[in-house]
Amino acid sequence: AGSPVVVYLHSPREKLWGVLMQLNQAGVFLRGIVLNTFDDWTQMIVRGERNIGLTHVFLPMWRVERVNLDEAVDEIPSMSDQFYTRVGITINEYLGL
């Protein structure tokens, strides 16, 4: 809990990025957004515009394909590192966690 993650779903296929709130046998509780909106969302924050924000969502385990920690790989920064670079604060600071 409290870690940035990427959740891969099926039926329909989706990827979500956000902060893991809870993971149990029923499913995943996430405060996040659809992964392909990440760039637009961070740009809106930087420009000081109203933005889509992160929503609280429950994803039932039957839809969850996998949950990956959002980690840097070699020289490729994680999504949370990209958020920090663009916005200037961590995702947990932004969310008040």
PDB file of N, CA and C in Angstrom:
ATOM      1  N   ALA A   1       0.841  -1.195   0.000  1.00  0.00           N
ATOM      2  CA  ALA A   1       0.000   0.000   0.000  1.00  0.00           C
ATOM      3  C   ALA A   1       0.882   1.254   0.000  1.00  0.00           C
ATOM      4  N   GLY A   2       0.459   2.266  -0.752  1.00  0.00           N
ATOM      5  CA  GLY A   2       1.209   3.508  -0.825  1.00  0.00           C
ATOM      6  C   GLY A   2       2.251   3.559  -1.929  1.00  0.00           C
ATOM      7  N   SER A   3       2.442   2.443  -2.626  1.00  0.00           N
ATOM      8  CA  SER A   3       3.443   2.394  -3.701  1.00  0.00           C
ATOM      9  C   SER A   3       2.803   2.674  -5.059  1.00  0.00           C
ATOM     10  N   PRO A   4       3.507   3.401  -5.933  1.00  0.00           N
ATOM     11  CA  PRO A   4       3.023   3.572  -7.290  1.00  0.00           C
ATOM     12  C   PRO A   4       3.109   2.236  -8.038  1.00  0.00           C
ATOM     13  N   VAL A   5       2.044   1.910  -8.786  1.00  0.00           N
ATOM     14  CA  VAL A   5       1.979   0.640  -9.513  1.00  0.00           C
ATOM     15  C   VAL A   5       1.366   0.847 -10.891  1.00  0.00           C
ATOM     16  N   VAL A   6       1.579  -0.142 -11.751  1.00  0.00           N
ATOM     17  CA  VAL A   6       0.886  -0.239 -13.028  1.00  0.00           C
ATOM     18  C   VAL A   6       0.077  -1.532 -12.962  1.00  0.00           C
ATOM     19  N   VAL A   7      -1.236  -1.419 -13.200  1.00  0.00           N
ATOM     20  CA  VAL A   7      -2.121  -2.579 -13.158  1.00  0.00           C
ATOM     21  C   VAL A   7      -2.563  -2.889 -14.582  1.00  0.00           C
ATOM     22  N   TYR A   8      -2.341  -4.137 -14.990  1.00  0.00           N
ATOM     23  CA  TYR A   8      -2.739  -4.620 -16.308  1.00  0.00           C
ATOM     24  C   TYR A   8      -4.036  -5.396 -16.151  1.00  0.00           C
ATOM     25  N   LEU A   9      -5.044  -5.022 -16.951  1.00  0.00           N
ATOM     26  CA  LEU A   9      -6.361  -5.643 -16.871  1.00  0.00           C
ATOM     27  C   LEU A   9      -6.716  -6.320 -18.195  1.00  0.00           C
ATOM     28  N   HIS A  10      -7.648  -7.256 -18.110  1.00  0.00           N
ATOM     29  CA  HIS A  10      -8.191  -7.866 -19.327  1.00  0.00           C
ATOM     30  C   HIS A  10      -9.713  -7.797 -19.277  1.00  0.00           C
ATOM     31  N   SER A  11     -10.329  -7.963 -20.406  1.00  0.00           N
ATOM     32  CA  SER A  11     -11.798  -8.007 -20.577  1.00  0.00           C
ATOM     33  C   SER A  11     -12.496  -6.745 -20.105  1.00  0.00           C
ATOM     34  N   PRO A  12     -12.288  -5.589 -20.688  1.00  0.00           N
ATOM     35  CA  PRO A  12     -11.383  -5.243 -21.797  1.00  0.00           C
ATOM     36  C   PRO A  12      -9.967  -4.953 -21.305  1.00  0.00           C
ATOM     37  N   ARG A  13      -9.034  -4.995 -22.256  1.00  0.00           N
ATOM     38  CA  ARG A  13      -7.623  -4.749 -21.938  1.00  0.00           C
ATOM     39  C   ARG A  13      -7.431  -3.269 -21.612  1.00  0.00           C
ATOM     40  N   GLU A  14      -6.829  -3.015 -20.471  1.00  0.00           N
ATOM     41  CA  GLU A  14      -6.525  -1.664 -20.024  1.00  0.00           C
ATOM     42  C   GLU A  14      -5.268  -1.702 -19.171  1.00  0.00           C
ATOM     43  N   LYS A  15      -4.628  -0.544 -19.042  1.00  0.00           N
ATOM     44  CA  LYS A  15      -3.512  -0.372 -18.124  1.00  0.00           C
ATOM     45  C   LYS A  15      -3.815   0.866 -17.300  1.00  0.00           C
ATOM     46  N   LEU A  16      -3.669   0.735 -15.995  1.00  0.00           N
ATOM     47  CA  LEU A  16      -3.878   1.863 -15.103  1.00  0.00           C
ATOM     48  C   LEU A  16      -2.613   2.106 -14.305  1.00  0.00           C
ATOM     49  N   TRP A  17      -2.347   3.380 -14.032  1.00  0.00           N
ATOM     50  CA  TRP A  17      -1.210   3.768 -13.203  1.00  0.00           C
ATOM     51  C   TRP A  17      -1.756   4.524 -12.010  1.00  0.00           C
ATOM     52  N   GLY A  18      -1.154   4.295 -10.861  1.00  0.00           N
ATOM     53  CA  GLY A  18      -1.569   5.042  -9.687  1.00  0.00           C
ATOM     54  C   GLY A  18      -0.915   4.523  -8.429  1.00  0.00           C
ATOM     55  N   VAL A  19      -1.489   4.923  -7.306  1.00  0.00           N
ATOM     56  CA  VAL A  19      -0.977   4.527  -6.004  1.00  0.00           C
ATOM     57  C   VAL A  19      -1.859   3.403  -5.466  1.00  0.00           C
ATOM     58  N   LEU A  20      -1.224   2.306  -5.121  1.00  0.00           N
ATOM     59  CA  LEU A  20      -1.930   1.154  -4.573  1.00  0.00           C
ATOM     60  C   LEU A  20      -2.451   1.496  -3.184  1.00  0.00           C
ATOM     61  N   MET A  21      -3.742   1.322  -2.992  1.00  0.00           N
ATOM     62  CA  MET A  21      -4.342   1.573  -1.683  1.00  0.00           C
ATOM     63  C   MET A  21      -4.461   0.271  -0.903  1.00  0.00           C
ATOM     64  N   GLN A  22      -4.868  -0.793  -1.604  1.00  0.00           N
ATOM     65  CA  GLN A  22      -5.003  -2.095  -0.950  1.00  0.00           C
ATOM     66  C   GLN A  22      -5.034  -3.182  -2.020  1.00  0.00           C
ATOM     67  N   LEU A  23      -4.477  -4.334  -1.674  1.00  0.00           N
ATOM     68  CA  LEU A  23      -4.492  -5.508  -2.546  1.00  0.00           C
ATOM     69  C   LEU A  23      -4.918  -6.688  -1.684  1.00  0.00           C
ATOM     70  N   ASN A  24      -6.009  -7.342  -2.077  1.00  0.00           N
ATOM     71  CA  ASN A  24      -6.445  -8.529  -1.352  1.00  0.00           C
ATOM     72  C   ASN A  24      -7.059  -9.530  -2.320  1.00  0.00           C
ATOM     73  N   GLN A  25      -7.599 -10.631  -1.812  1.00  0.00           N
ATOM     74  CA  GLN A  25      -8.111 -11.671  -2.689  1.00  0.00           C
ATOM     75  C   GLN A  25      -9.326 -11.219  -3.504  1.00  0.00           C
ATOM     76  N   ALA A  26     -10.018 -10.179  -3.063  1.00  0.00           N
ATOM     77  CA  ALA A  26     -11.157  -9.665  -3.816  1.00  0.00           C
ATOM     78  C   ALA A  26     -10.720  -8.832  -5.015  1.00  0.00           C
ATOM     79  N   GLY A  27      -9.597  -8.109  -4.876  1.00  0.00           N
ATOM     80  CA  GLY A  27      -9.152  -7.268  -5.963  1.00  0.00           C
ATOM     81  C   GLY A  27      -8.160  -6.213  -5.537  1.00  0.00           C
ATOM     82  N   VAL A  28      -8.040  -5.200  -6.376  1.00  0.00           N
ATOM     83  CA  VAL A  28      -7.077  -4.121  -6.191  1.00  0.00           C
ATOM     84  C   VAL A  28      -7.834  -2.809  -5.985  1.00  0.00           C
ATOM     85  N   PHE A  29      -7.494  -2.104  -4.915  1.00  0.00           N
ATOM     86  CA  PHE A  29      -8.011  -0.761  -4.682  1.00  0.00           C
ATOM     87  C   PHE A  29      -6.897   0.193  -5.080  1.00  0.00           C
ATOM     88  N   LEU A  30      -7.197   1.074  -6.031  1.00  0.00           N
ATOM     89  CA  LEU A  30      -6.179   1.936  -6.624  1.00  0.00           C
ATOM     90  C   LEU A  30      -6.693   3.365  -6.673  1.00  0.00           C
ATOM     91  N   ARG A  31      -5.795   4.310  -6.474  1.00  0.00           N
ATOM     92  CA  ARG A  31      -6.102   5.715  -6.766  1.00  0.00           C
ATOM     93  C   ARG A  31      -5.272   6.038  -7.985  1.00  0.00           C
ATOM     94  N   GLY A  32      -5.908   6.078  -9.163  1.00  0.00           N
ATOM     95  CA  GLY A  32      -5.121   6.197 -10.374  1.00  0.00           C
ATOM     96  C   GLY A  32      -5.886   6.688 -11.584  1.00  0.00           C
ATOM     97  N   ILE A  33      -5.208   6.554 -12.718  1.00  0.00           N
ATOM     98  CA  ILE A  33      -5.750   6.969 -14.011  1.00  0.00           C
ATOM     99  C   ILE A  33      -5.372   5.935 -15.062  1.00  0.00           C
ATOM    100  N   VAL A  34      -6.048   6.002 -16.189  1.00  0.00           N
ATOM    101  CA  VAL A  34      -5.684   5.172 -17.330  1.00  0.00           C
ATOM    102  C   VAL A  34      -4.292   5.608 -17.787  1.00  0.00           C
ATOM    103  N   LEU A  35      -3.420   4.648 -18.013  1.00  0.00           N
ATOM    104  CA  LEU A  35      -2.011   4.935 -18.284  1.00  0.00           C
ATOM    105  C   LEU A  35      -1.809   5.881 -19.471  1.00  0.00           C
ATOM    106  N   ASN A  36      -2.609   5.728 -20.534  1.00  0.00           N
ATOM    107  CA  ASN A  36      -2.364   6.561 -21.713  1.00  0.00           C
ATOM    108  C   ASN A  36      -2.789   8.020 -21.530  1.00  0.00           C
ATOM    109  N   THR A  37      -3.348   8.384 -20.364  1.00  0.00           N
ATOM    110  CA  THR A  37      -3.665   9.791 -20.093  1.00  0.00           C
ATOM    111  C   THR A  37      -2.613  10.465 -19.217  1.00  0.00           C
ATOM    112  N   PHE A  38      -1.582   9.717 -18.815  1.00  0.00           N
ATOM    113  CA  PHE A  38      -0.574  10.215 -17.883  1.00  0.00           C
ATOM    114  C   PHE A  38       0.101  11.503 -18.376  1.00  0.00           C
ATOM    115  N   ASP A  39       0.561  11.539 -19.628  1.00  0.00           N
ATOM    116  CA  ASP A  39       1.264  12.718 -20.147  1.00  0.00           C
ATOM    117  C   ASP A  39       0.368  13.946 -20.155  1.00  0.00           C
ATOM    118  N   ASP A  40      -0.864  13.795 -20.637  1.00  0.00           N
ATOM    119  CA  ASP A  40      -1.793  14.929 -20.654  1.00  0.00           C
ATOM    120  C   ASP A  40      -2.082  15.417 -19.243  1.00  0.00           C
ATOM    121  N   TRP A  41      -2.270  14.477 -18.322  1.00  0.00           N
ATOM    122  CA  TRP A  41      -2.568  14.818 -16.934  1.00  0.00           C
ATOM    123  C   TRP A  41      -1.433  15.620 -16.293  1.00  0.00           C
ATOM    124  N   THR A  42      -0.194  15.169 -16.466  1.00  0.00           N
ATOM    125  CA  THR A  42       0.928  15.895 -15.863  1.00  0.00           C
ATOM    126  C   THR A  42       1.096  17.274 -16.492  1.00  0.00           C
ATOM    127  N   GLN A  43       0.866  17.389 -17.799  1.00  0.00           N
ATOM    128  CA  GLN A  43       0.961  18.692 -18.460  1.00  0.00           C
ATOM    129  C   GLN A  43      -0.082  19.657 -17.917  1.00  0.00           C
ATOM    130  N   MET A  44      -1.285  19.165 -17.646  1.00  0.00           N
ATOM    131  CA  MET A  44      -2.340  20.009 -17.076  1.00  0.00           C
ATOM    132  C   MET A  44      -1.948  20.517 -15.691  1.00  0.00           C
ATOM    133  N   ILE A  45      -1.327  19.659 -14.899  1.00  0.00           N
ATOM    134  CA  ILE A  45      -0.889  20.062 -13.556  1.00  0.00           C
ATOM    135  C   ILE A  45       0.175  21.141 -13.656  1.00  0.00           C
ATOM    136  N   VAL A  46       1.162  20.930 -14.524  1.00  0.00           N
ATOM    137  CA  VAL A  46       2.263  21.890 -14.691  1.00  0.00           C
ATOM    138  C   VAL A  46       1.731  23.248 -15.142  1.00  0.00           C
ATOM    139  N   ARG A  47       0.743  23.263 -16.030  1.00  0.00           N
ATOM    140  CA  ARG A  47       0.178  24.520 -16.532  1.00  0.00           C
ATOM    141  C   ARG A  47      -0.812  25.147 -15.549  1.00  0.00           C
ATOM    142  N   GLY A  48      -1.113  24.450 -14.456  1.00  0.00           N
ATOM    143  CA  GLY A  48      -2.042  24.980 -13.468  1.00  0.00           C
ATOM    144  C   GLY A  48      -3.489  24.916 -13.894  1.00  0.00           C
ATOM    145  N   GLU A  49      -3.800  24.045 -14.830  1.00  0.00           N
ATOM    146  CA  GLU A  49      -5.164  23.911 -15.333  1.00  0.00           C
ATOM    147  C   GLU A  49      -5.950  22.930 -14.478  1.00  0.00           C
ATOM    148  N   ARG A  50      -7.268  23.032 -14.564  1.00  0.00           N
ATOM    149  CA  ARG A  50      -8.094  21.985 -13.961  1.00  0.00           C
ATOM    150  C   ARG A  50      -7.720  20.692 -14.650  1.00  0.00           C
ATOM    151  N   ASN A  51      -7.654  19.624 -13.889  1.00  0.00           N
ATOM    152  CA  ASN A  51      -7.230  18.376 -14.513  1.00  0.00           C
ATOM    153  C   ASN A  51      -8.126  17.233 -14.101  1.00  0.00           C
ATOM    154  N   ILE A  52      -7.917  16.120 -14.779  1.00  0.00           N
ATOM    155  CA  ILE A  52      -8.774  14.960 -14.583  1.00  0.00           C
ATOM    156  C   ILE A  52      -8.595  14.324 -13.214  1.00  0.00           C
ATOM    157  N   GLY A  53      -7.450  14.488 -12.618  1.00  0.00           N
ATOM    158  CA  GLY A  53      -7.207  13.949 -11.288  1.00  0.00           C
ATOM    159  C   GLY A  53      -7.212  12.438 -11.234  1.00  0.00           C
ATOM    160  N   LEU A  54      -6.765  11.919 -10.109  1.00  0.00           N
ATOM    161  CA  LEU A  54      -6.755  10.481  -9.901  1.00  0.00           C
ATOM    162  C   LEU A  54      -8.040  10.087  -9.197  1.00  0.00           C
ATOM    163  N   THR A  55      -8.645   8.987  -9.612  1.00  0.00           N
ATOM    164  CA  THR A  55      -9.879   8.528  -8.997  1.00  0.00           C
ATOM    165  C   THR A  55      -9.627   7.261  -8.195  1.00  0.00           C
ATOM    166  N   HIS A  56     -10.454   7.061  -7.176  1.00  0.00           N
ATOM    167  CA  HIS A  56     -10.409   5.824  -6.402  1.00  0.00           C
ATOM    168  C   HIS A  56     -11.193   4.773  -7.177  1.00  0.00           C
ATOM    169  N   VAL A  57     -10.584   3.633  -7.382  1.00  0.00           N
ATOM    170  CA  VAL A  57     -11.243   2.595  -8.165  1.00  0.00           C
ATOM    171  C   VAL A  57     -10.963   1.230  -7.545  1.00  0.00           C
ATOM    172  N   PHE A  58     -11.967   0.357  -7.618  1.00  0.00           N
ATOM    173  CA  PHE A  58     -11.798  -1.037  -7.225  1.00  0.00           C
ATOM    174  C   PHE A  58     -11.778  -1.870  -8.496  1.00  0.00           C
ATOM    175  N   LEU A  59     -10.768  -2.712  -8.614  1.00  0.00           N
ATOM    176  CA  LEU A  59     -10.628  -3.587  -9.773  1.00  0.00           C
ATOM    177  C   LEU A  59     -10.751  -5.028  -9.284  1.00  0.00           C
ATOM    178  N   PRO A  60     -11.824  -5.729  -9.680  1.00  0.00           N
ATOM    179  CA  PRO A  60     -11.994  -7.094  -9.192  1.00  0.00           C
ATOM    180  C   PRO A  60     -10.877  -8.001  -9.694  1.00  0.00           C
ATOM    181  N   MET A  61     -10.487  -8.944  -8.881  1.00  0.00           N
ATOM    182  CA  MET A  61      -9.340  -9.800  -9.189  1.00  0.00           C
ATOM    183  C   MET A  61      -9.525 -10.571 -10.494  1.00  0.00           C
ATOM    184  N   TRP A  62     -10.745 -10.890 -10.878  1.00  0.00           N
ATOM    185  CA  TRP A  62     -10.940 -11.638 -12.122  1.00  0.00           C
ATOM    186  C   TRP A  62     -10.533 -10.822 -13.352  1.00  0.00           C
ATOM    187  N   ARG A  63     -10.454  -9.494 -13.217  1.00  0.00           N
ATOM    188  CA  ARG A  63     -10.003  -8.643 -14.328  1.00  0.00           C
ATOM    189  C   ARG A  63      -8.510  -8.386 -14.300  1.00  0.00           C
ATOM    190  N   VAL A  64      -7.857  -8.601 -13.159  1.00  0.00           N
ATOM    191  CA  VAL A  64      -6.451  -8.257 -12.998  1.00  0.00           C
ATOM    192  C   VAL A  64      -5.566  -9.326 -13.620  1.00  0.00           C
ATOM    193  N   GLU A  65      -4.749  -8.888 -14.579  1.00  0.00           N
ATOM    194  CA  GLU A  65      -3.776  -9.782 -15.198  1.00  0.00           C
ATOM    195  C   GLU A  65      -2.482  -9.780 -14.395  1.00  0.00           C
ATOM    196  N   ARG A  66      -2.024  -8.575 -14.034  1.00  0.00           N
ATOM    197  CA  ARG A  66      -0.836  -8.452 -13.187  1.00  0.00           C
ATOM    198  C   ARG A  66      -0.753  -7.042 -12.615  1.00  0.00           C
ATOM    199  N   VAL A  67       0.039  -6.940 -11.528  1.00  0.00           N
ATOM    200  CA  VAL A  67       0.306  -5.664 -10.875  1.00  0.00           C
ATOM    201  C   VAL A  67       1.818  -5.529 -10.785  1.00  0.00           C
ATOM    202  N   ASN A  68       2.361  -4.480 -11.385  1.00  0.00           N
ATOM    203  CA  ASN A  68       3.810  -4.222 -11.352  1.00  0.00           C
ATOM    204  C   ASN A  68       4.095  -2.989 -10.521  1.00  0.00           C
ATOM    205  N   LEU A  69       5.133  -3.062  -9.690  1.00  0.00           N
ATOM    206  CA  LEU A  69       5.610  -1.850  -9.038  1.00  0.00           C
ATOM    207  C   LEU A  69       6.128  -0.909 -10.112  1.00  0.00           C
ATOM    208  N   ASP A  70       5.874   0.359  -9.949  1.00  0.00           N
ATOM    209  CA  ASP A  70       6.357   1.375 -10.878  1.00  0.00           C
ATOM    210  C   ASP A  70       7.810   1.667 -10.529  1.00  0.00           C
ATOM    211  N   GLU A  71       8.726   0.983 -11.203  1.00  0.00           N
ATOM    212  CA  GLU A  71      10.148   1.107 -10.899  1.00  0.00           C
ATOM    213  C   GLU A  71      10.930   1.504 -12.141  1.00  0.00           C
ATOM    214  N   ALA A  72      12.022   2.234 -11.922  1.00  0.00           N
ATOM    215  CA  ALA A  72      12.933   2.579 -13.018  1.00  0.00           C
ATOM    216  C   ALA A  72      13.629   1.304 -13.491  1.00  0.00           C
ATOM    217  N   VAL A  73      13.904   1.250 -14.790  1.00  0.00           N
ATOM    218  CA  VAL A  73      14.640   0.125 -15.367  1.00  0.00           C
ATOM    219  C   VAL A  73      15.856   0.698 -16.075  1.00  0.00           C
ATOM    220  N   ASP A  74      17.042   0.399 -15.532  1.00  0.00           N
ATOM    221  CA  ASP A  74      18.293   0.958 -16.046  1.00  0.00           C
ATOM    222  C   ASP A  74      18.180   2.473 -16.138  1.00  0.00           C
ATOM    223  N   GLU A  75      18.254   3.025 -17.340  1.00  0.00           N
ATOM    224  CA  GLU A  75      18.195   4.476 -17.533  1.00  0.00           C
ATOM    225  C   GLU A  75      16.777   4.986 -17.791  1.00  0.00           C
ATOM    226  N   ILE A  76      15.799   4.091 -17.841  1.00  0.00           N
ATOM    227  CA  ILE A  76      14.413   4.488 -18.116  1.00  0.00           C
ATOM    228  C   ILE A  76      13.728   4.819 -16.793  1.00  0.00           C
ATOM    229  N   PRO A  77      13.291   6.080 -16.622  1.00  0.00           N
ATOM    230  CA  PRO A  77      12.682   6.462 -15.344  1.00  0.00           C
ATOM    231  C   PRO A  77      11.291   5.851 -15.175  1.00  0.00           C
ATOM    232  N   SER A  78      10.900   5.649 -13.939  1.00  0.00           N
ATOM    233  CA  SER A  78       9.552   5.166 -13.649  1.00  0.00           C
ATOM    234  C   SER A  78       8.552   6.291 -13.929  1.00  0.00           C
ATOM    235  N   MET A  79       7.283   5.951 -13.947  1.00  0.00           N
ATOM    236  CA  MET A  79       6.247   6.969 -14.145  1.00  0.00           C
ATOM    237  C   MET A  79       6.262   7.953 -12.966  1.00  0.00           C
ATOM    238  N   SER A  80       6.459   7.432 -11.761  1.00  0.00           N
ATOM    239  CA  SER A  80       6.499   8.332 -10.597  1.00  0.00           C
ATOM    240  C   SER A  80       7.725   9.240 -10.639  1.00  0.00           C
ATOM    241  N   ASP A  81       8.859   8.744 -11.181  1.00  0.00           N
ATOM    242  CA  ASP A  81      10.034   9.607 -11.375  1.00  0.00           C
ATOM    243  C   ASP A  81       9.734  10.688 -12.405  1.00  0.00           C
ATOM    244  N   GLN A  82       9.029  10.321 -13.465  1.00  0.00           N
ATOM    245  CA  GLN A  82       8.649  11.298 -14.494  1.00  0.00           C
ATOM    246  C   GLN A  82       7.713  12.348 -13.902  1.00  0.00           C
ATOM    247  N   PHE A  83       6.783  11.913 -13.051  1.00  0.00           N
ATOM    248  CA  PHE A  83       5.881  12.854 -12.387  1.00  0.00           C
ATOM    249  C   PHE A  83       6.683  13.854 -11.561  1.00  0.00           C
ATOM    250  N   TYR A  84       7.639  13.362 -10.767  1.00  0.00           N
ATOM    251  CA  TYR A  84       8.467  14.225  -9.930  1.00  0.00           C
ATOM    252  C   TYR A  84       9.260  15.224 -10.777  1.00  0.00           C
ATOM    253  N   THR A  85       9.843  14.753 -11.874  1.00  0.00           N
ATOM    254  CA  THR A  85      10.635  15.618 -12.755  1.00  0.00           C
ATOM    255  C   THR A  85       9.772  16.723 -13.363  1.00  0.00           C
ATOM    256  N   ARG A  86       8.577  16.379 -13.784  1.00  0.00           N
ATOM    257  CA  ARG A  86       7.702  17.349 -14.454  1.00  0.00           C
ATOM    258  C   ARG A  86       7.026  18.312 -13.478  1.00  0.00           C
ATOM    259  N   VAL A  87       6.543  17.781 -12.350  1.00  0.00           N
ATOM    260  CA  VAL A  87       5.719  18.569 -11.436  1.00  0.00           C
ATOM    261  C   VAL A  87       6.528  19.171 -10.290  1.00  0.00           C
ATOM    262  N   GLY A  88       7.588  18.492  -9.858  1.00  0.00           N
ATOM    263  CA  GLY A  88       8.445  19.031  -8.804  1.00  0.00           C
ATOM    264  C   GLY A  88       8.130  18.514  -7.413  1.00  0.00           C
ATOM    265  N   ILE A  89       7.130  17.653  -7.285  1.00  0.00           N
ATOM    266  CA  ILE A  89       6.816  16.996  -6.012  1.00  0.00           C
ATOM    267  C   ILE A  89       6.522  15.524  -6.299  1.00  0.00           C
ATOM    268  N   THR A  90       6.591  14.698  -5.267  1.00  0.00           N
ATOM    269  CA  THR A  90       6.295  13.281  -5.468  1.00  0.00           C
ATOM    270  C   THR A  90       4.789  13.082  -5.604  1.00  0.00           C
ATOM    271  N   ILE A  91       4.420  11.951  -6.139  1.00  0.00           N
ATOM    272  CA  ILE A  91       2.990  11.649  -6.288  1.00  0.00           C
ATOM    273  C   ILE A  91       2.325  11.563  -4.915  1.00  0.00           C
ATOM    274  N   ASN A  92       3.016  11.023  -3.915  1.00  0.00           N
ATOM    275  CA  ASN A  92       2.431  10.946  -2.581  1.00  0.00           C
ATOM    276  C   ASN A  92       2.232  12.326  -1.969  1.00  0.00           C
ATOM    277  N   GLU A  93       3.166  13.244  -2.213  1.00  0.00           N
ATOM    278  CA  GLU A  93       2.995  14.635  -1.750  1.00  0.00           C
ATOM    279  C   GLU A  93       1.811  15.275  -2.461  1.00  0.00           C
ATOM    280  N   TYR A  94       1.688  15.053  -3.756  1.00  0.00           N
ATOM    281  CA  TYR A  94       0.588  15.616  -4.542  1.00  0.00           C
ATOM    282  C   TYR A  94      -0.752  15.145  -4.002  1.00  0.00           C
ATOM    283  N   LEU A  95      -0.810  13.865  -3.625  1.00  0.00           N
ATOM    284  CA  LEU A  95      -2.062  13.293  -3.137  1.00  0.00           C
ATOM    285  C   LEU A  95      -2.279  13.514  -1.640  1.00  0.00           C
ATOM    286  N   GLY A  96      -1.277  14.091  -0.960  1.00  0.00           N
ATOM    287  CA  GLY A  96      -1.396  14.326   0.463  1.00  0.00           C
ATOM    288  C   GLY A  96      -1.298  13.052   1.295  1.00  0.00           C
ATOM    289  N   LEU A  97      -0.552  12.082   0.789  1.00  0.00           N
ATOM    290  CA  LEU A  97      -0.405  10.805   1.521  1.00  0.00           C
ATOM    291  C   LEU A  97       0.818  10.829   2.407  1.00  0.00           C
TER     292      LEU A  97
END
